[in-house]
């Protein structure tokens, strides 16, 4: 089983903000070398991977909802699979 871990740091300018993570997760997946498996995003979002792509529906995206903004935040992203 392959695994790849990456730490994301971002800063929100507003107290409440949505951070669109889908493009970032796709870039992490392309670097990971995983064909099929899962992406785990810290504070427990699990996204399936099928044939080297995020297995999301046509309208699904991954966001971080920030309710305590205006400071640096860190997310842990772990890609696991074959």
PDB file of N, CA and C in Angstrom:
ATOM      1  N   UNK A   1       0.835  -1.172   0.000  1.00  0.00           N
ATOM      2  CA  UNK A   1       0.000   0.000   0.000  1.00  0.00           C
ATOM      3  C   UNK A   1       0.887   1.244   0.000  1.00  0.00           C
ATOM      4  N   UNK A   2       0.590   2.162  -0.901  1.00  0.00           N
ATOM      5  CA  UNK A   2       1.304   3.431  -0.968  1.00  0.00           C
ATOM      6  C   UNK A   2       0.636   4.435  -0.041  1.00  0.00           C
ATOM      7  N   UNK A   3       1.429   5.370   0.462  1.00  0.00           N
ATOM      8  CA  UNK A   3       0.844   6.467   1.224  1.00  0.00           C
ATOM      9  C   UNK A   3       1.676   7.730   0.989  1.00  0.00           C
ATOM     10  N   UNK A   4       1.012   8.850   1.089  1.00  0.00           N
ATOM     11  CA  UNK A   4       1.636  10.151   0.872  1.00  0.00           C
ATOM     12  C   UNK A   4       0.957  11.136   1.818  1.00  0.00           C
ATOM     13  N   UNK A   5       1.739  11.894   2.569  1.00  0.00           N
ATOM     14  CA  UNK A   5       1.192  12.876   3.508  1.00  0.00           C
ATOM     15  C   UNK A   5       1.686  14.257   3.125  1.00  0.00           C
ATOM     16  N   UNK A   6       0.777  15.203   3.172  1.00  0.00           N
ATOM     17  CA  UNK A   6       1.151  16.585   2.896  1.00  0.00           C
ATOM     18  C   UNK A   6       0.410  17.487   3.884  1.00  0.00           C
ATOM     19  N   UNK A   7       1.080  18.546   4.315  1.00  0.00           N
ATOM     20  CA  UNK A   7       0.506  19.499   5.253  1.00  0.00           C
ATOM     21  C   UNK A   7       0.168  20.777   4.501  1.00  0.00           C
ATOM     22  N   UNK A   8      -1.066  21.239   4.634  1.00  0.00           N
ATOM     23  CA  UNK A   8      -1.503  22.474   3.993  1.00  0.00           C
ATOM     24  C   UNK A   8      -1.625  23.559   5.058  1.00  0.00           C
ATOM     25  N   UNK A   9      -1.117  24.723   4.761  1.00  0.00           N
ATOM     26  CA  UNK A   9      -1.287  25.871   5.643  1.00  0.00           C
ATOM     27  C   UNK A   9      -1.952  26.973   4.840  1.00  0.00           C
ATOM     28  N   UNK A  10      -2.969  27.579   5.409  1.00  0.00           N
ATOM     29  CA  UNK A  10      -3.619  28.701   4.740  1.00  0.00           C
ATOM     30  C   UNK A  10      -4.063  29.711   5.790  1.00  0.00           C
ATOM     31  N   UNK A  11      -4.293  30.913   5.333  1.00  0.00           N
ATOM     32  CA  UNK A  11      -4.693  32.011   6.216  1.00  0.00           C
ATOM     33  C   UNK A  11      -5.979  32.597   5.639  1.00  0.00           C
ATOM     34  N   UNK A  12      -7.007  32.668   6.452  1.00  0.00           N
ATOM     35  CA  UNK A  12      -8.253  33.271   6.001  1.00  0.00           C
ATOM     36  C   UNK A  12      -8.304  34.719   6.460  1.00  0.00           C
ATOM     37  N   UNK A  13      -8.744  35.581   5.580  1.00  0.00           N
ATOM     38  CA  UNK A  13      -8.801  37.002   5.890  1.00  0.00           C
ATOM     39  C   UNK A  13     -10.059  37.404   6.633  1.00  0.00           C
ATOM     40  N   UNK A  14     -11.084  36.564   6.560  1.00  0.00           N
ATOM     41  CA  UNK A  14     -12.352  36.858   7.222  1.00  0.00           C
ATOM     42  C   UNK A  14     -12.562  35.890   8.380  1.00  0.00           C
ATOM     43  N   UNK A  15     -13.424  36.259   9.273  1.00  0.00           N
ATOM     44  CA  UNK A  15     -13.715  35.367  10.402  1.00  0.00           C
ATOM     45  C   UNK A  15     -14.417  34.103   9.939  1.00  0.00           C
ATOM     46  N   UNK A  16     -15.339  34.239   9.002  1.00  0.00           N
ATOM     47  CA  UNK A  16     -16.045  33.092   8.421  1.00  0.00           C
ATOM     48  C   UNK A  16     -15.756  33.052   6.929  1.00  0.00           C
ATOM     49  N   UNK A  17     -15.268  31.901   6.468  1.00  0.00           N
ATOM     50  CA  UNK A  17     -14.870  31.799   5.058  1.00  0.00           C
ATOM     51  C   UNK A  17     -14.876  30.346   4.617  1.00  0.00           C
ATOM     52  N   UNK A  18     -15.200  30.110   3.343  1.00  0.00           N
ATOM     53  CA  UNK A  18     -15.088  28.787   2.741  1.00  0.00           C
ATOM     54  C   UNK A  18     -13.818  28.738   1.910  1.00  0.00           C
ATOM     55  N   UNK A  19     -13.015  27.705   2.119  1.00  0.00           N
ATOM     56  CA  UNK A  19     -11.772  27.512   1.372  1.00  0.00           C
ATOM     57  C   UNK A  19     -11.988  26.319   0.451  1.00  0.00           C
ATOM     58  N   UNK A  20     -11.917  26.540  -0.865  1.00  0.00           N
ATOM     59  CA  UNK A  20     -12.129  25.480  -1.861  1.00  0.00           C
ATOM     60  C   UNK A  20     -10.867  24.622  -1.954  1.00  0.00           C
ATOM     61  N   UNK A  21     -10.967  23.361  -1.549  1.00  0.00           N
ATOM     62  CA  UNK A  21      -9.801  22.475  -1.495  1.00  0.00           C
ATOM     63  C   UNK A  21      -9.689  21.508  -2.669  1.00  0.00           C
ATOM     64  N   UNK A  22     -10.721  21.377  -3.494  1.00  0.00           N
ATOM     65  CA  UNK A  22     -10.716  20.352  -4.542  1.00  0.00           C
ATOM     66  C   UNK A  22      -9.497  20.441  -5.459  1.00  0.00           C
ATOM     67  N   UNK A  23      -9.139  21.605  -6.031  1.00  0.00           N
ATOM     68  CA  UNK A  23      -7.958  21.652  -6.909  1.00  0.00           C
ATOM     69  C   UNK A  23      -6.668  21.277  -6.181  1.00  0.00           C
ATOM     70  N   UNK A  24      -6.548  21.672  -4.920  1.00  0.00           N
ATOM     71  CA  UNK A  24      -5.361  21.343  -4.132  1.00  0.00           C
ATOM     72  C   UNK A  24      -5.277  19.838  -3.896  1.00  0.00           C
ATOM     73  N   UNK A  25      -6.411  19.202  -3.575  1.00  0.00           N
ATOM     74  CA  UNK A  25      -6.428  17.751  -3.362  1.00  0.00           C
ATOM     75  C   UNK A  25      -6.088  17.008  -4.650  1.00  0.00           C
ATOM     76  N   UNK A  26      -6.555  17.502  -5.787  1.00  0.00           N
ATOM     77  CA  UNK A  26      -6.218  16.872  -7.077  1.00  0.00           C
ATOM     78  C   UNK A  26      -4.715  16.951  -7.338  1.00  0.00           C
ATOM     79  N   UNK A  27      -4.097  18.076  -7.008  1.00  0.00           N
ATOM     80  CA  UNK A  27      -2.646  18.225  -7.200  1.00  0.00           C
ATOM     81  C   UNK A  27      -1.872  17.290  -6.273  1.00  0.00           C
ATOM     82  N   UNK A  28      -2.314  17.168  -5.027  1.00  0.00           N
ATOM     83  CA  UNK A  28      -1.672  16.254  -4.089  1.00  0.00           C
ATOM     84  C   UNK A  28      -1.803  14.822  -4.575  1.00  0.00           C
ATOM     85  N   UNK A  29      -2.974  14.453  -5.062  1.00  0.00           N
ATOM     86  CA  UNK A  29      -3.202  13.106  -5.585  1.00  0.00           C
ATOM     87  C   UNK A  29      -2.281  12.802  -6.757  1.00  0.00           C
ATOM     88  N   UNK A  30      -2.085  13.758  -7.661  1.00  0.00           N
ATOM     89  CA  UNK A  30      -1.220  13.511  -8.823  1.00  0.00           C
ATOM     90  C   UNK A  30       0.232  13.284  -8.404  1.00  0.00           C
ATOM     91  N   UNK A  31       0.674  13.905  -7.325  1.00  0.00           N
ATOM     92  CA  UNK A  31       2.035  13.701  -6.825  1.00  0.00           C
ATOM     93  C   UNK A  31       2.183  12.407  -6.030  1.00  0.00           C
ATOM     94  N   UNK A  32       1.089  11.859  -5.537  1.00  0.00           N
ATOM     95  CA  UNK A  32       1.150  10.720  -4.617  1.00  0.00           C
ATOM     96  C   UNK A  32       1.473   9.393  -5.293  1.00  0.00           C
ATOM     97  N   UNK A  33       1.102   9.226  -6.559  1.00  0.00           N
ATOM     98  CA  UNK A  33       1.308   7.957  -7.240  1.00  0.00           C
ATOM     99  C   UNK A  33       0.256   6.906  -6.926  1.00  0.00           C
ATOM    100  N   UNK A  34      -0.816   7.273  -6.225  1.00  0.00           N
ATOM    101  CA  UNK A  34      -1.883   6.334  -5.865  1.00  0.00           C
ATOM    102  C   UNK A  34      -2.910   6.294  -6.989  1.00  0.00           C
ATOM    103  N   UNK A  35      -3.265   5.069  -7.424  1.00  0.00           N
ATOM    104  CA  UNK A  35      -4.273   4.887  -8.473  1.00  0.00           C
ATOM    105  C   UNK A  35      -5.679   4.743  -7.894  1.00  0.00           C
ATOM    106  N   UNK A  36      -5.824   3.924  -6.875  1.00  0.00           N
ATOM    107  CA  UNK A  36      -7.111   3.666  -6.234  1.00  0.00           C
ATOM    108  C   UNK A  36      -6.909   3.660  -4.733  1.00  0.00           C
ATOM    109  N   UNK A  37      -7.803   4.277  -4.002  1.00  0.00           N
ATOM    110  CA  UNK A  37      -7.688   4.315  -2.549  1.00  0.00           C
ATOM    111  C   UNK A  37      -8.523   5.419  -1.956  1.00  0.00           C
ATOM    112  N   UNK A  38      -7.960   6.122  -0.983  1.00  0.00           N
ATOM    113  CA  UNK A  38      -8.666   7.171  -0.252  1.00  0.00           C
ATOM    114  C   UNK A  38      -7.761   8.355   0.007  1.00  0.00           C
ATOM    115  N   UNK A  39      -8.371   9.535   0.080  1.00  0.00           N
ATOM    116  CA  UNK A  39      -7.705  10.717   0.613  1.00  0.00           C
ATOM    117  C   UNK A  39      -8.393  11.030   1.928  1.00  0.00           C
ATOM    118  N   UNK A  40      -7.595  11.176   2.979  1.00  0.00           N
ATOM    119  CA  UNK A  40      -8.113  11.577   4.284  1.00  0.00           C
ATOM    120  C   UNK A  40      -7.685  13.015   4.536  1.00  0.00           C
ATOM    121  N   UNK A  41      -8.639  13.884   4.811  1.00  0.00           N
ATOM    122  CA  UNK A  41      -8.346  15.280   5.101  1.00  0.00           C
ATOM    123  C   UNK A  41      -8.631  15.505   6.576  1.00  0.00           C
ATOM    124  N   UNK A  42      -7.636  16.051   7.288  1.00  0.00           N
ATOM    125  CA  UNK A  42      -7.754  16.287   8.731  1.00  0.00           C
ATOM    126  C   UNK A  42      -9.034  17.047   9.026  1.00  0.00           C
ATOM    127  N   UNK A  43      -9.618  16.740   9.967  1.00  0.00           N
ATOM    128  CA  UNK A  43     -10.908  16.839  10.599  1.00  0.00           C
ATOM    129  C   UNK A  43     -11.922  16.062   9.803  1.00  0.00           C
ATOM    130  N   UNK A  44     -11.413  14.900   9.347  1.00  0.00           N
ATOM    131  CA  UNK A  44     -12.189  13.745   8.949  1.00  0.00           C
ATOM    132  C   UNK A  44     -13.104  13.902   7.745  1.00  0.00           C
ATOM    133  N   UNK A  45     -12.493  14.174   6.616  1.00  0.00           N
ATOM    134  CA  UNK A  45     -13.179  14.068   5.335  1.00  0.00           C
ATOM    135  C   UNK A  45     -12.498  12.931   4.594  1.00  0.00           C
ATOM    136  N   UNK A  46     -13.282  11.973   4.115  1.00  0.00           N
ATOM    137  CA  UNK A  46     -12.738  10.848   3.360  1.00  0.00           C
ATOM    138  C   UNK A  46     -13.257  10.956   1.931  1.00  0.00           C
ATOM    139  N   UNK A  47     -12.330  10.996   0.966  1.00  0.00           N
ATOM    140  CA  UNK A  47     -12.686  11.111  -0.450  1.00  0.00           C
ATOM    141  C   UNK A  47     -12.131   9.893  -1.174  1.00  0.00           C
ATOM    142  N   UNK A  48     -12.986   9.119  -1.867  1.00  0.00           N
ATOM    143  CA  UNK A  48     -12.478   7.954  -2.591  1.00  0.00           C
ATOM    144  C   UNK A  48     -11.688   8.362  -3.834  1.00  0.00           C
ATOM    145  N   UNK A  49     -10.733   7.495  -4.203  1.00  0.00           N
ATOM    146  CA  UNK A  49      -9.921   7.674  -5.410  1.00  0.00           C
ATOM    147  C   UNK A  49     -10.169   6.483  -6.310  1.00  0.00           C
ATOM    148  N   UNK A  50     -10.487   6.734  -7.573  1.00  0.00           N
ATOM    149  CA  UNK A  50     -10.676   5.679  -8.561  1.00  0.00           C
ATOM    150  C   UNK A  50      -9.937   6.073  -9.833  1.00  0.00           C
ATOM    151  N   UNK A  51      -9.057   5.214 -10.281  1.00  0.00           N
ATOM    152  CA  UNK A  51      -8.289   5.440 -11.509  1.00  0.00           C
ATOM    153  C   UNK A  51      -7.578   6.795 -11.512  1.00  0.00           C
ATOM    154  N   UNK A  52      -6.852   7.080 -10.409  1.00  0.00           N
ATOM    155  CA  UNK A  52      -6.037   8.291 -10.259  1.00  0.00           C
ATOM    156  C   UNK A  52      -6.841   9.587 -10.229  1.00  0.00           C
ATOM    157  N   UNK A  53      -8.152   9.517  -9.921  1.00  0.00           N
ATOM    158  CA  UNK A  53      -8.989  10.720  -9.868  1.00  0.00           C
ATOM    159  C   UNK A  53      -9.831  10.710  -8.609  1.00  0.00           C
ATOM    160  N   UNK A  54     -10.155  11.895  -8.102  1.00  0.00           N
ATOM    161  CA  UNK A  54     -11.093  11.984  -7.002  1.00  0.00           C
ATOM    162  C   UNK A  54     -12.438  11.466  -7.492  1.00  0.00           C
ATOM    163  N   UNK A  55     -13.053  10.587  -6.753  1.00  0.00           N
ATOM    164  CA  UNK A  55     -14.315   9.972  -7.168  1.00  0.00           C
ATOM    165  C   UNK A  55     -15.474  10.779  -6.585  1.00  0.00           C
ATOM    166  N   UNK A  56     -15.680  11.963  -7.151  1.00  0.00           N
ATOM    167  CA  UNK A  56     -16.737  12.864  -6.727  1.00  0.00           C
ATOM    168  C   UNK A  56     -17.828  12.907  -7.785  1.00  0.00           C
ATOM    169  N   UNK A  57     -19.048  13.212  -7.363  1.00  0.00           N
ATOM    170  CA  UNK A  57     -20.149  13.400  -8.304  1.00  0.00           C
ATOM    171  C   UNK A  57     -19.962  14.689  -9.087  1.00  0.00           C
ATOM    172  N   UNK A  58     -20.801  14.927 -10.096  1.00  0.00           N
ATOM    173  CA  UNK A  58     -20.612  16.094 -10.966  1.00  0.00           C
ATOM    174  C   UNK A  58     -20.717  17.441 -10.250  1.00  0.00           C
ATOM    175  N   UNK A  59     -21.411  17.499  -9.133  1.00  0.00           N
ATOM    176  CA  UNK A  59     -21.574  18.768  -8.424  1.00  0.00           C
ATOM    177  C   UNK A  59     -20.858  18.765  -7.077  1.00  0.00           C
ATOM    178  N   UNK A  60     -20.139  17.719  -6.757  1.00  0.00           N
ATOM    179  CA  UNK A  60     -19.461  17.644  -5.470  1.00  0.00           C
ATOM    180  C   UNK A  60     -18.095  18.311  -5.510  1.00  0.00           C
ATOM    181  N   UNK A  61     -17.753  19.008  -4.442  1.00  0.00           N
ATOM    182  CA  UNK A  61     -16.462  19.636  -4.250  1.00  0.00           C
ATOM    183  C   UNK A  61     -16.098  19.500  -2.774  1.00  0.00           C
ATOM    184  N   UNK A  62     -14.840  19.766  -2.434  1.00  0.00           N
ATOM    185  CA  UNK A  62     -14.390  19.697  -1.050  1.00  0.00           C
ATOM    186  C   UNK A  62     -14.035  21.110  -0.596  1.00  0.00           C
ATOM    187  N   UNK A  63     -14.619  21.526   0.515  1.00  0.00           N
ATOM    188  CA  UNK A  63     -14.374  22.847   1.093  1.00  0.00           C
ATOM    189  C   UNK A  63     -13.992  22.693   2.560  1.00  0.00           C
ATOM    190  N   UNK A  64     -13.254  23.661   3.063  1.00  0.00           N
ATOM    191  CA  UNK A  64     -13.045  23.802   4.494  1.00  0.00           C
ATOM    192  C   UNK A  64     -13.883  25.003   4.930  1.00  0.00           C
ATOM    193  N   UNK A  65     -14.786  24.789   5.866  1.00  0.00           N
ATOM    194  CA  UNK A  65     -15.602  25.877   6.388  1.00  0.00           C
ATOM    195  C   UNK A  65     -14.895  26.438   7.616  1.00  0.00           C
ATOM    196  N   UNK A  66     -14.476  27.683   7.513  1.00  0.00           N
ATOM    197  CA  UNK A  66     -13.708  28.327   8.580  1.00  0.00           C
ATOM    198  C   UNK A  66     -14.613  29.271   9.370  1.00  0.00           C
ATOM    199  N   UNK A  67     -14.701  29.049  10.671  1.00  0.00           N
ATOM    200  CA  UNK A  67     -15.530  29.887  11.525  1.00  0.00           C
ATOM    201  C   UNK A  67     -14.715  30.607  12.599  1.00  0.00           C
ATOM    202  N   UNK A  68     -13.399  30.460  12.540  1.00  0.00           N
ATOM    203  CA  UNK A  68     -12.508  31.097  13.508  1.00  0.00           C
ATOM    204  C   UNK A  68     -11.305  31.645  12.752  1.00  0.00           C
ATOM    205  N   UNK A  69     -11.575  32.457  11.751  1.00  0.00           N
ATOM    206  CA  UNK A  69     -10.543  32.856  10.806  1.00  0.00           C
ATOM    207  C   UNK A  69      -9.627  33.957  11.290  1.00  0.00           C
ATOM    208  N   UNK A  70      -8.932  34.537  10.311  1.00  0.00           N
ATOM    209  CA  UNK A  70      -7.961  35.615  10.495  1.00  0.00           C
ATOM    210  C   UNK A  70      -6.703  35.139  11.210  1.00  0.00           C
ATOM    211  N   UNK A  71      -6.356  33.865  10.994  1.00  0.00           N
ATOM    212  CA  UNK A  71      -5.094  33.338  11.515  1.00  0.00           C
ATOM    213  C   UNK A  71      -4.706  32.123  10.686  1.00  0.00           C
ATOM    214  N   UNK A  72      -3.463  31.691  10.804  1.00  0.00           N
ATOM    215  CA  UNK A  72      -2.993  30.534  10.041  1.00  0.00           C
ATOM    216  C   UNK A  72      -3.675  29.254  10.511  1.00  0.00           C
ATOM    217  N   UNK A  73      -4.024  28.408   9.554  1.00  0.00           N
ATOM    218  CA  UNK A  73      -4.623  27.096   9.823  1.00  0.00           C
ATOM    219  C   UNK A  73      -3.786  26.037   9.133  1.00  0.00           C
ATOM    220  N   UNK A  74      -3.776  24.843   9.696  1.00  0.00           N
ATOM    221  CA  UNK A  74      -3.026  23.740   9.104  1.00  0.00           C
ATOM    222  C   UNK A  74      -3.938  22.532   8.955  1.00  0.00           C
ATOM    223  N   UNK A  75      -3.915  21.931   7.774  1.00  0.00           N
ATOM    224  CA  UNK A  75      -4.654  20.702   7.500  1.00  0.00           C
ATOM    225  C   UNK A  75      -3.657  19.610   7.138  1.00  0.00           C
ATOM    226  N   UNK A  76      -3.948  18.410   7.552  1.00  0.00           N
ATOM    227  CA  UNK A  76      -3.144  17.249   7.182  1.00  0.00           C
ATOM    228  C   UNK A  76      -3.920  16.467   6.133  1.00  0.00           C
ATOM    229  N   UNK A  77      -3.276  16.186   4.991  1.00  0.00           N
ATOM    230  CA  UNK A  77      -3.882  15.408   3.920  1.00  0.00           C
ATOM    231  C   UNK A  77      -3.075  14.132   3.765  1.00  0.00           C
ATOM    232  N   UNK A  78      -3.749  12.986   3.839  1.00  0.00           N
ATOM    233  CA  UNK A  78      -3.070  11.692   3.693  1.00  0.00           C
ATOM    234  C   UNK A  78      -3.737  10.940   2.558  1.00  0.00           C
ATOM    235  N   UNK A  79      -2.940  10.490   1.592  1.00  0.00           N
ATOM    236  CA  UNK A  79      -3.416   9.705   0.458  1.00  0.00           C
ATOM    237  C   UNK A  79      -2.934   8.273   0.692  1.00  0.00           C
ATOM    238  N   UNK A  80      -3.862   7.315   0.621  1.00  0.00           N
ATOM    239  CA  UNK A  80      -3.512   5.914   0.840  1.00  0.00           C
ATOM    240  C   UNK A  80      -4.187   5.052  -0.205  1.00  0.00           C
ATOM    241  N   UNK A  81      -3.466   4.047  -0.694  1.00  0.00           N
ATOM    242  CA  UNK A  81      -4.061   3.138  -1.647  1.00  0.00           C
ATOM    243  C   UNK A  81      -3.019   2.393  -2.442  1.00  0.00           C
ATOM    244  N   UNK A  82      -3.478   1.865  -3.563  1.00  0.00           N
ATOM    245  CA  UNK A  82      -2.628   1.049  -4.416  1.00  0.00           C
ATOM    246  C   UNK A  82      -2.093   1.839  -5.584  1.00  0.00           C
TER     247      UNK A  82
END
